[in-house]
């Protein structure tokens, strides 16, 4: 993702318990945060159904919860990679 605010890679602290870091549902694409802070929708490369709404599980600058990552709440995904790890 290219941040519209000119920031480089940014680590957003998890502000809720670790169990809220990822939202697991086999009917959804990759989703992070208990409040769906970041969600990649099915057919993410052809629709604008993917979205960000940071602030529930991950901290971000105030007033930028929906626009921090891409400049818009909804976006199209060109490519993504998800890494897993054990706590």
PDB file of N, CA and C in Angstrom:
ATOM      1  N   UNK A   1       0.842  -1.184   0.000  1.00  0.00           N
ATOM      2  CA  UNK A   1       0.000   0.000   0.000  1.00  0.00           C
ATOM      3  C   UNK A   1       0.880   1.237   0.000  1.00  0.00           C
ATOM      4  N   UNK A   2       0.448   2.211  -0.691  1.00  0.00           N
ATOM      5  CA  UNK A   2       1.154   3.480  -0.714  1.00  0.00           C
ATOM      6  C   UNK A   2       0.378   4.433   0.173  1.00  0.00           C
ATOM      7  N   UNK A   3       1.033   4.887   1.218  1.00  0.00           N
ATOM      8  CA  UNK A   3       0.384   5.776   2.171  1.00  0.00           C
ATOM      9  C   UNK A   3       0.253   7.168   1.577  1.00  0.00           C
ATOM     10  N   UNK A   4      -0.956   7.737   1.538  1.00  0.00           N
ATOM     11  CA  UNK A   4      -1.157   9.051   0.930  1.00  0.00           C
ATOM     12  C   UNK A   4      -0.542  10.194   1.723  1.00  0.00           C
ATOM     13  N   UNK A   5      -0.107   9.908   2.937  1.00  0.00           N
ATOM     14  CA  UNK A   5       0.470  10.936   3.793  1.00  0.00           C
ATOM     15  C   UNK A   5       1.992  10.959   3.696  1.00  0.00           C
ATOM     16  N   UNK A   6       2.548  10.128   2.806  1.00  0.00           N
ATOM     17  CA  UNK A   6       3.990  10.118   2.593  1.00  0.00           C
ATOM     18  C   UNK A   6       4.779   9.362   3.653  1.00  0.00           C
ATOM     19  N   UNK A   7       4.119   8.598   4.486  1.00  0.00           N
ATOM     20  CA  UNK A   7       4.808   7.829   5.515  1.00  0.00           C
ATOM     21  C   UNK A   7       5.324   6.523   4.949  1.00  0.00           C
ATOM     22  N   UNK A   8       6.459   6.078   5.441  1.00  0.00           N
ATOM     23  CA  UNK A   8       7.001   4.784   5.046  1.00  0.00           C
ATOM     24  C   UNK A   8       6.264   3.677   5.769  1.00  0.00           C
ATOM     25  N   UNK A   9       6.797   2.469   5.710  1.00  0.00           N
ATOM     26  CA  UNK A   9       6.166   1.357   6.430  1.00  0.00           C
ATOM     27  C   UNK A   9       5.960   1.719   7.897  1.00  0.00           C
ATOM     28  N   UNK A  10       4.773   1.442   8.388  1.00  0.00           N
ATOM     29  CA  UNK A  10       4.398   1.834   9.741  1.00  0.00           C
ATOM     30  C   UNK A  10       3.831   0.645  10.488  1.00  0.00           C
ATOM     31  N   UNK A  11       4.312   0.421  11.680  1.00  0.00           N
ATOM     32  CA  UNK A  11       3.759  -0.628  12.534  1.00  0.00           C
ATOM     33  C   UNK A  11       2.701   0.013  13.424  1.00  0.00           C
ATOM     34  N   UNK A  12       1.500  -0.523  13.363  1.00  0.00           N
ATOM     35  CA  UNK A  12       0.408   0.000  14.176  1.00  0.00           C
ATOM     36  C   UNK A  12       0.229  -0.887  15.391  1.00  0.00           C
ATOM     37  N   UNK A  13       0.364  -0.323  16.584  1.00  0.00           N
ATOM     38  CA  UNK A  13       0.272  -1.132  17.796  1.00  0.00           C
ATOM     39  C   UNK A  13      -1.120  -1.744  17.972  1.00  0.00           C
ATOM     40  N   UNK A  14      -1.131  -2.972  18.433  1.00  0.00           N
ATOM     41  CA  UNK A  14      -2.375  -3.636  18.787  1.00  0.00           C
ATOM     42  C   UNK A  14      -2.822  -3.077  20.130  1.00  0.00           C
ATOM     43  N   UNK A  15      -4.017  -2.501  20.181  1.00  0.00           N
ATOM     44  CA  UNK A  15      -4.486  -1.862  21.411  1.00  0.00           C
ATOM     45  C   UNK A  15      -5.503  -2.719  22.158  1.00  0.00           C
ATOM     46  N   UNK A  16      -5.828  -3.849  21.611  1.00  0.00           N
ATOM     47  CA  UNK A  16      -6.705  -4.803  22.282  1.00  0.00           C
ATOM     48  C   UNK A  16      -5.938  -6.103  22.469  1.00  0.00           C
ATOM     49  N   UNK A  17      -6.548  -7.059  23.123  1.00  0.00           N
ATOM     50  CA  UNK A  17      -5.882  -8.339  23.357  1.00  0.00           C
ATOM     51  C   UNK A  17      -5.515  -9.021  22.040  1.00  0.00           C
ATOM     52  N   UNK A  18      -4.523  -9.897  22.100  1.00  0.00           N
ATOM     53  CA  UNK A  18      -4.018 -10.575  20.907  1.00  0.00           C
ATOM     54  C   UNK A  18      -5.097 -11.337  20.156  1.00  0.00           C
ATOM     55  N   UNK A  19      -6.097 -11.805  20.849  1.00  0.00           N
ATOM     56  CA  UNK A  19      -7.164 -12.564  20.179  1.00  0.00           C
ATOM     57  C   UNK A  19      -7.938 -11.714  19.178  1.00  0.00           C
ATOM     58  N   UNK A  20      -7.791 -10.392  19.250  1.00  0.00           N
ATOM     59  CA  UNK A  20      -8.453  -9.496  18.301  1.00  0.00           C
ATOM     60  C   UNK A  20      -7.562  -9.106  17.128  1.00  0.00           C
ATOM     61  N   UNK A  21      -6.332  -9.624  17.079  1.00  0.00           N
ATOM     62  CA  UNK A  21      -5.397  -9.243  16.019  1.00  0.00           C
ATOM     63  C   UNK A  21      -5.894  -9.663  14.642  1.00  0.00           C
ATOM     64  N   UNK A  22      -6.456 -10.869  14.548  1.00  0.00           N
ATOM     65  CA  UNK A  22      -6.985 -11.368  13.284  1.00  0.00           C
ATOM     66  C   UNK A  22      -8.423 -11.819  13.494  1.00  0.00           C
ATOM     67  N   UNK A  23      -9.234 -11.621  12.496  1.00  0.00           N
ATOM     68  CA  UNK A  23     -10.618 -12.073  12.532  1.00  0.00           C
ATOM     69  C   UNK A  23     -10.719 -13.265  11.589  1.00  0.00           C
ATOM     70  N   UNK A  24     -11.084 -14.403  12.109  1.00  0.00           N
ATOM     71  CA  UNK A  24     -11.105 -15.624  11.300  1.00  0.00           C
ATOM     72  C   UNK A  24     -12.531 -16.023  10.959  1.00  0.00           C
ATOM     73  N   UNK A  25     -12.814 -16.068   9.673  1.00  0.00           N
ATOM     74  CA  UNK A  25     -14.106 -16.504   9.166  1.00  0.00           C
ATOM     75  C   UNK A  25     -13.852 -17.031   7.758  1.00  0.00           C
ATOM     76  N   UNK A  26     -14.129 -18.295   7.529  1.00  0.00           N
ATOM     77  CA  UNK A  26     -13.810 -18.914   6.241  1.00  0.00           C
ATOM     78  C   UNK A  26     -14.568 -18.298   5.075  1.00  0.00           C
ATOM     79  N   UNK A  27     -15.612 -17.519   5.345  1.00  0.00           N
ATOM     80  CA  UNK A  27     -16.359 -16.897   4.252  1.00  0.00           C
ATOM     81  C   UNK A  27     -15.809 -15.513   3.890  1.00  0.00           C
ATOM     82  N   UNK A  28     -14.790 -15.057   4.602  1.00  0.00           N
ATOM     83  CA  UNK A  28     -14.201 -13.736   4.343  1.00  0.00           C
ATOM     84  C   UNK A  28     -12.772 -13.873   3.859  1.00  0.00           C
ATOM     85  N   UNK A  29     -12.270 -12.837   3.234  1.00  0.00           N
ATOM     86  CA  UNK A  29     -10.861 -12.775   2.896  1.00  0.00           C
ATOM     87  C   UNK A  29     -10.082 -12.390   4.141  1.00  0.00           C
ATOM     88  N   UNK A  30      -8.770 -12.154   4.018  1.00  0.00           N
ATOM     89  CA  UNK A  30      -7.975 -11.772   5.190  1.00  0.00           C
ATOM     90  C   UNK A  30      -8.566 -10.545   5.881  1.00  0.00           C
ATOM     91  N   UNK A  31      -8.789 -10.673   7.178  1.00  0.00           N
ATOM     92  CA  UNK A  31      -9.395  -9.599   7.966  1.00  0.00           C
ATOM     93  C   UNK A  31      -8.628  -9.466   9.270  1.00  0.00           C
ATOM     94  N   UNK A  32      -8.247  -8.260   9.594  1.00  0.00           N
ATOM     95  CA  UNK A  32      -7.447  -8.012  10.789  1.00  0.00           C
ATOM     96  C   UNK A  32      -8.176  -7.067  11.718  1.00  0.00           C
ATOM     97  N   UNK A  33      -8.187  -7.402  12.987  1.00  0.00           N
ATOM     98  CA  UNK A  33      -8.837  -6.584  13.995  1.00  0.00           C
ATOM     99  C   UNK A  33     -10.254  -7.048  14.269  1.00  0.00           C
ATOM    100  N   UNK A  34     -10.625  -7.042  15.540  1.00  0.00           N
ATOM    101  CA  UNK A  34     -11.967  -7.456  15.942  1.00  0.00           C
ATOM    102  C   UNK A  34     -13.051  -6.578  15.356  1.00  0.00           C
ATOM    103  N   UNK A  35     -12.732  -5.360  15.039  1.00  0.00           N
ATOM    104  CA  UNK A  35     -13.695  -4.454  14.425  1.00  0.00           C
ATOM    105  C   UNK A  35     -13.499  -4.342  12.922  1.00  0.00           C
ATOM    106  N   UNK A  36     -12.804  -5.349  12.347  1.00  0.00           N
ATOM    107  CA  UNK A  36     -12.469  -5.356  10.925  1.00  0.00           C
ATOM    108  C   UNK A  36     -11.689  -4.098  10.551  1.00  0.00           C
ATOM    109  N   UNK A  37     -10.596  -3.882  11.278  1.00  0.00           N
ATOM    110  CA  UNK A  37      -9.751  -2.713  11.003  1.00  0.00           C
ATOM    111  C   UNK A  37      -9.232  -2.706   9.565  1.00  0.00           C
ATOM    112  N   UNK A  38      -8.920  -3.886   9.047  1.00  0.00           N
ATOM    113  CA  UNK A  38      -8.455  -4.021   7.675  1.00  0.00           C
ATOM    114  C   UNK A  38      -9.063  -5.285   7.098  1.00  0.00           C
ATOM    115  N   UNK A  39      -9.767  -5.151   5.988  1.00  0.00           N
ATOM    116  CA  UNK A  39     -10.454  -6.296   5.383  1.00  0.00           C
ATOM    117  C   UNK A  39     -10.214  -6.328   3.886  1.00  0.00           C
ATOM    118  N   UNK A  40      -9.753  -7.486   3.384  1.00  0.00           N
ATOM    119  CA  UNK A  40      -9.611  -7.712   1.960  1.00  0.00           C
ATOM    120  C   UNK A  40     -10.769  -8.597   1.528  1.00  0.00           C
ATOM    121  N   UNK A  41     -11.589  -8.076   0.653  1.00  0.00           N
ATOM    122  CA  UNK A  41     -12.800  -8.764   0.224  1.00  0.00           C
ATOM    123  C   UNK A  41     -12.514  -9.825  -0.836  1.00  0.00           C
ATOM    124  N   UNK A  42     -13.488 -10.693  -1.051  1.00  0.00           N
ATOM    125  CA  UNK A  42     -13.423 -11.645  -2.151  1.00  0.00           C
ATOM    126  C   UNK A  42     -13.354 -10.846  -3.453  1.00  0.00           C
ATOM    127  N   UNK A  43     -12.591 -11.340  -4.409  1.00  0.00           N
ATOM    128  CA  UNK A  43     -12.384 -10.633  -5.686  1.00  0.00           C
ATOM    129  C   UNK A  43     -11.847  -9.221  -5.460  1.00  0.00           C
ATOM    130  N   UNK A  44     -10.928  -9.096  -4.515  1.00  0.00           N
ATOM    131  CA  UNK A  44     -10.399  -7.788  -4.109  1.00  0.00           C
ATOM    132  C   UNK A  44      -9.728  -7.033  -5.245  1.00  0.00           C
ATOM    133  N   UNK A  45      -9.288  -7.749  -6.270  1.00  0.00           N
ATOM    134  CA  UNK A  45      -8.623  -7.082  -7.390  1.00  0.00           C
ATOM    135  C   UNK A  45      -9.598  -6.497  -8.406  1.00  0.00           C
ATOM    136  N   UNK A  46     -10.894  -6.801  -8.280  1.00  0.00           N
ATOM    137  CA  UNK A  46     -11.863  -6.287  -9.250  1.00  0.00           C
ATOM    138  C   UNK A  46     -12.980  -5.466  -8.618  1.00  0.00           C
ATOM    139  N   UNK A  47     -12.994  -5.382  -7.290  1.00  0.00           N
ATOM    140  CA  UNK A  47     -14.034  -4.599  -6.622  1.00  0.00           C
ATOM    141  C   UNK A  47     -13.402  -3.617  -5.648  1.00  0.00           C
ATOM    142  N   UNK A  48     -14.186  -2.677  -5.169  1.00  0.00           N
ATOM    143  CA  UNK A  48     -13.722  -1.753  -4.123  1.00  0.00           C
ATOM    144  C   UNK A  48     -14.374  -2.122  -2.791  1.00  0.00           C
ATOM    145  N   UNK A  49     -14.609  -3.415  -2.582  1.00  0.00           N
ATOM    146  CA  UNK A  49     -15.241  -3.876  -1.353  1.00  0.00           C
ATOM    147  C   UNK A  49     -14.248  -4.052  -0.204  1.00  0.00           C
ATOM    148  N   UNK A  50     -12.959  -4.022  -0.478  1.00  0.00           N
ATOM    149  CA  UNK A  50     -11.961  -4.075   0.597  1.00  0.00           C
ATOM    150  C   UNK A  50     -11.960  -2.724   1.289  1.00  0.00           C
ATOM    151  N   UNK A  51     -11.690  -2.723   2.587  1.00  0.00           N
ATOM    152  CA  UNK A  51     -11.740  -1.446   3.303  1.00  0.00           C
ATOM    153  C   UNK A  51     -10.862  -1.450   4.543  1.00  0.00           C
ATOM    154  N   UNK A  52     -10.592  -0.251   5.024  1.00  0.00           N
ATOM    155  CA  UNK A  52      -9.903  -0.092   6.305  1.00  0.00           C
ATOM    156  C   UNK A  52     -10.733   0.826   7.191  1.00  0.00           C
ATOM    157  N   UNK A  53     -10.752   0.484   8.439  1.00  0.00           N
ATOM    158  CA  UNK A  53     -11.382   1.314   9.466  1.00  0.00           C
ATOM    159  C   UNK A  53     -10.609   1.047  10.756  1.00  0.00           C
ATOM    160  N   UNK A  54      -9.406   1.582  10.786  1.00  0.00           N
ATOM    161  CA  UNK A  54      -8.497   1.356  11.915  1.00  0.00           C
ATOM    162  C   UNK A  54      -9.014   2.016  13.180  1.00  0.00           C
ATOM    163  N   UNK A  55      -8.542   1.522  14.297  1.00  0.00           N
ATOM    164  CA  UNK A  55      -8.868   2.157  15.562  1.00  0.00           C
ATOM    165  C   UNK A  55      -9.565   1.261  16.559  1.00  0.00           C
ATOM    166  N   UNK A  56     -10.132   0.150  16.112  1.00  0.00           N
ATOM    167  CA  UNK A  56     -10.772  -0.751  17.067  1.00  0.00           C
ATOM    168  C   UNK A  56      -9.727  -1.636  17.732  1.00  0.00           C
ATOM    169  N   UNK A  57      -8.958  -2.338  16.933  1.00  0.00           N
ATOM    170  CA  UNK A  57      -7.916  -3.215  17.467  1.00  0.00           C
ATOM    171  C   UNK A  57      -6.519  -2.664  17.243  1.00  0.00           C
ATOM    172  N   UNK A  58      -6.356  -1.844  16.220  1.00  0.00           N
ATOM    173  CA  UNK A  58      -5.051  -1.267  15.897  1.00  0.00           C
ATOM    174  C   UNK A  58      -5.110   0.246  15.999  1.00  0.00           C
ATOM    175  N   UNK A  59      -4.077   0.810  16.589  1.00  0.00           N
ATOM    176  CA  UNK A  59      -4.006   2.255  16.798  1.00  0.00           C
ATOM    177  C   UNK A  59      -3.499   2.949  15.536  1.00  0.00           C
ATOM    178  N   UNK A  60      -4.109   4.073  15.233  1.00  0.00           N
ATOM    179  CA  UNK A  60      -3.613   4.907  14.137  1.00  0.00           C
ATOM    180  C   UNK A  60      -3.891   6.364  14.509  1.00  0.00           C
ATOM    181  N   UNK A  61      -3.318   7.308  13.768  1.00  0.00           N
ATOM    182  CA  UNK A  61      -3.537   8.718  14.090  1.00  0.00           C
ATOM    183  C   UNK A  61      -5.027   9.079  14.097  1.00  0.00           C
ATOM    184  N   UNK A  62      -5.441   9.852  15.092  1.00  0.00           N
ATOM    185  CA  UNK A  62      -6.842  10.256  15.196  1.00  0.00           C
ATOM    186  C   UNK A  62      -7.311  10.975  13.944  1.00  0.00           C
ATOM    187  N   UNK A  63      -8.539  10.714  13.561  1.00  0.00           N
ATOM    188  CA  UNK A  63      -9.123  11.356  12.396  1.00  0.00           C
ATOM    189  C   UNK A  63      -8.744  10.714  11.080  1.00  0.00           C
ATOM    190  N   UNK A  64      -7.907   9.697  11.116  1.00  0.00           N
ATOM    191  CA  UNK A  64      -7.459   9.054   9.878  1.00  0.00           C
ATOM    192  C   UNK A  64      -7.819   7.575   9.845  1.00  0.00           C
ATOM    193  N   UNK A  65      -8.760   7.147  10.670  1.00  0.00           N
ATOM    194  CA  UNK A  65      -9.086   5.735  10.785  1.00  0.00           C
ATOM    195  C   UNK A  65      -9.465   5.101   9.452  1.00  0.00           C
ATOM    196  N   UNK A  66     -10.165   5.825   8.605  1.00  0.00           N
ATOM    197  CA  UNK A  66     -10.620   5.248   7.347  1.00  0.00           C
ATOM    198  C   UNK A  66      -9.721   5.587   6.166  1.00  0.00           C
ATOM    199  N   UNK A  67      -8.845   6.560   6.314  1.00  0.00           N
ATOM    200  CA  UNK A  67      -8.057   7.008   5.166  1.00  0.00           C
ATOM    201  C   UNK A  67      -6.554   6.827   5.333  1.00  0.00           C
ATOM    202  N   UNK A  68      -6.103   6.371   6.466  1.00  0.00           N
ATOM    203  CA  UNK A  68      -4.673   6.306   6.755  1.00  0.00           C
ATOM    204  C   UNK A  68      -3.902   5.433   5.762  1.00  0.00           C
ATOM    205  N   UNK A  69      -4.432   4.263   5.429  1.00  0.00           N
ATOM    206  CA  UNK A  69      -3.687   3.326   4.602  1.00  0.00           C
ATOM    207  C   UNK A  69      -3.668   3.692   3.126  1.00  0.00           C
ATOM    208  N   UNK A  70      -4.785   4.098   2.567  1.00  0.00           N
ATOM    209  CA  UNK A  70      -4.858   4.316   1.118  1.00  0.00           C
ATOM    210  C   UNK A  70      -5.378   5.691   0.722  1.00  0.00           C
ATOM    211  N   UNK A  71      -5.889   6.440   1.669  1.00  0.00           N
ATOM    212  CA  UNK A  71      -6.496   7.728   1.354  1.00  0.00           C
ATOM    213  C   UNK A  71      -8.007   7.647   1.251  1.00  0.00           C
ATOM    214  N   UNK A  72      -8.529   6.447   1.168  1.00  0.00           N
ATOM    215  CA  UNK A  72      -9.966   6.216   1.068  1.00  0.00           C
ATOM    216  C   UNK A  72     -10.364   5.068   1.978  1.00  0.00           C
ATOM    217  N   UNK A  73     -11.639   4.994   2.363  1.00  0.00           N
ATOM    218  CA  UNK A  73     -12.107   3.860   3.166  1.00  0.00           C
ATOM    219  C   UNK A  73     -12.051   2.583   2.330  1.00  0.00           C
ATOM    220  N   UNK A  74     -12.603   2.598   1.138  1.00  0.00           N
ATOM    221  CA  UNK A  74     -12.641   1.414   0.274  1.00  0.00           C
ATOM    222  C   UNK A  74     -11.545   1.502  -0.776  1.00  0.00           C
ATOM    223  N   UNK A  75     -11.059   0.344  -1.197  1.00  0.00           N
ATOM    224  CA  UNK A  75      -9.984   0.312  -2.179  1.00  0.00           C
ATOM    225  C   UNK A  75      -9.975  -1.016  -2.928  1.00  0.00           C
ATOM    226  N   UNK A  76      -9.259  -1.036  -4.032  1.00  0.00           N
ATOM    227  CA  UNK A  76      -9.035  -2.246  -4.816  1.00  0.00           C
ATOM    228  C   UNK A  76      -7.640  -2.755  -4.485  1.00  0.00           C
ATOM    229  N   UNK A  77      -7.505  -4.049  -4.367  1.00  0.00           N
ATOM    230  CA  UNK A  77      -6.227  -4.666  -4.022  1.00  0.00           C
ATOM    231  C   UNK A  77      -5.589  -5.230  -5.283  1.00  0.00           C
ATOM    232  N   UNK A  78      -4.358  -4.867  -5.532  1.00  0.00           N
ATOM    233  CA  UNK A  78      -3.633  -5.395  -6.674  1.00  0.00           C
ATOM    234  C   UNK A  78      -3.002  -6.728  -6.325  1.00  0.00           C
ATOM    235  N   UNK A  79      -2.382  -6.785  -5.151  1.00  0.00           N
ATOM    236  CA  UNK A  79      -1.689  -7.979  -4.710  1.00  0.00           C
ATOM    237  C   UNK A  79      -1.487  -7.874  -3.202  1.00  0.00           C
ATOM    238  N   UNK A  80      -1.553  -8.983  -2.509  1.00  0.00           N
ATOM    239  CA  UNK A  80      -1.251  -8.956  -1.080  1.00  0.00           C
ATOM    240  C   UNK A  80      -0.635 -10.267  -0.648  1.00  0.00           C
ATOM    241  N   UNK A  81       0.056 -10.210   0.471  1.00  0.00           N
ATOM    242  CA  UNK A  81       0.713 -11.379   1.030  1.00  0.00           C
ATOM    243  C   UNK A  81       0.478 -11.339   2.533  1.00  0.00           C
ATOM    244  N   UNK A  82       0.036 -12.453   3.084  1.00  0.00           N
ATOM    245  CA  UNK A  82      -0.244 -12.547   4.512  1.00  0.00           C
ATOM    246  C   UNK A  82       0.740 -13.536   5.118  1.00  0.00           C
ATOM    247  N   UNK A  83       1.388 -13.117   6.184  1.00  0.00           N
ATOM    248  CA  UNK A  83       2.329 -13.988   6.901  1.00  0.00           C
ATOM    249  C   UNK A  83       1.685 -14.396   8.206  1.00  0.00           C
ATOM    250  N   UNK A  84       1.892 -15.617   8.623  1.00  0.00           N
ATOM    251  CA  UNK A  84       1.367 -16.083   9.904  1.00  0.00           C
ATOM    252  C   UNK A  84       2.518 -16.374  10.846  1.00  0.00           C
ATOM    253  N   UNK A  85       2.214 -16.318  12.128  1.00  0.00           N
ATOM    254  CA  UNK A  85       3.207 -16.670  13.135  1.00  0.00           C
ATOM    255  C   UNK A  85       2.475 -17.090  14.405  1.00  0.00           C
ATOM    256  N   UNK A  86       3.182 -17.788  15.247  1.00  0.00           N
ATOM    257  CA  UNK A  86       2.610 -18.200  16.529  1.00  0.00           C
ATOM    258  C   UNK A  86       2.982 -17.194  17.592  1.00  0.00           C
ATOM    259  N   UNK A  87       2.028 -16.917  18.454  1.00  0.00           N
ATOM    260  CA  UNK A  87       2.300 -15.974  19.548  1.00  0.00           C
ATOM    261  C   UNK A  87       3.220 -16.641  20.491  1.00  0.00           C
TER     262      UNK A  87
END
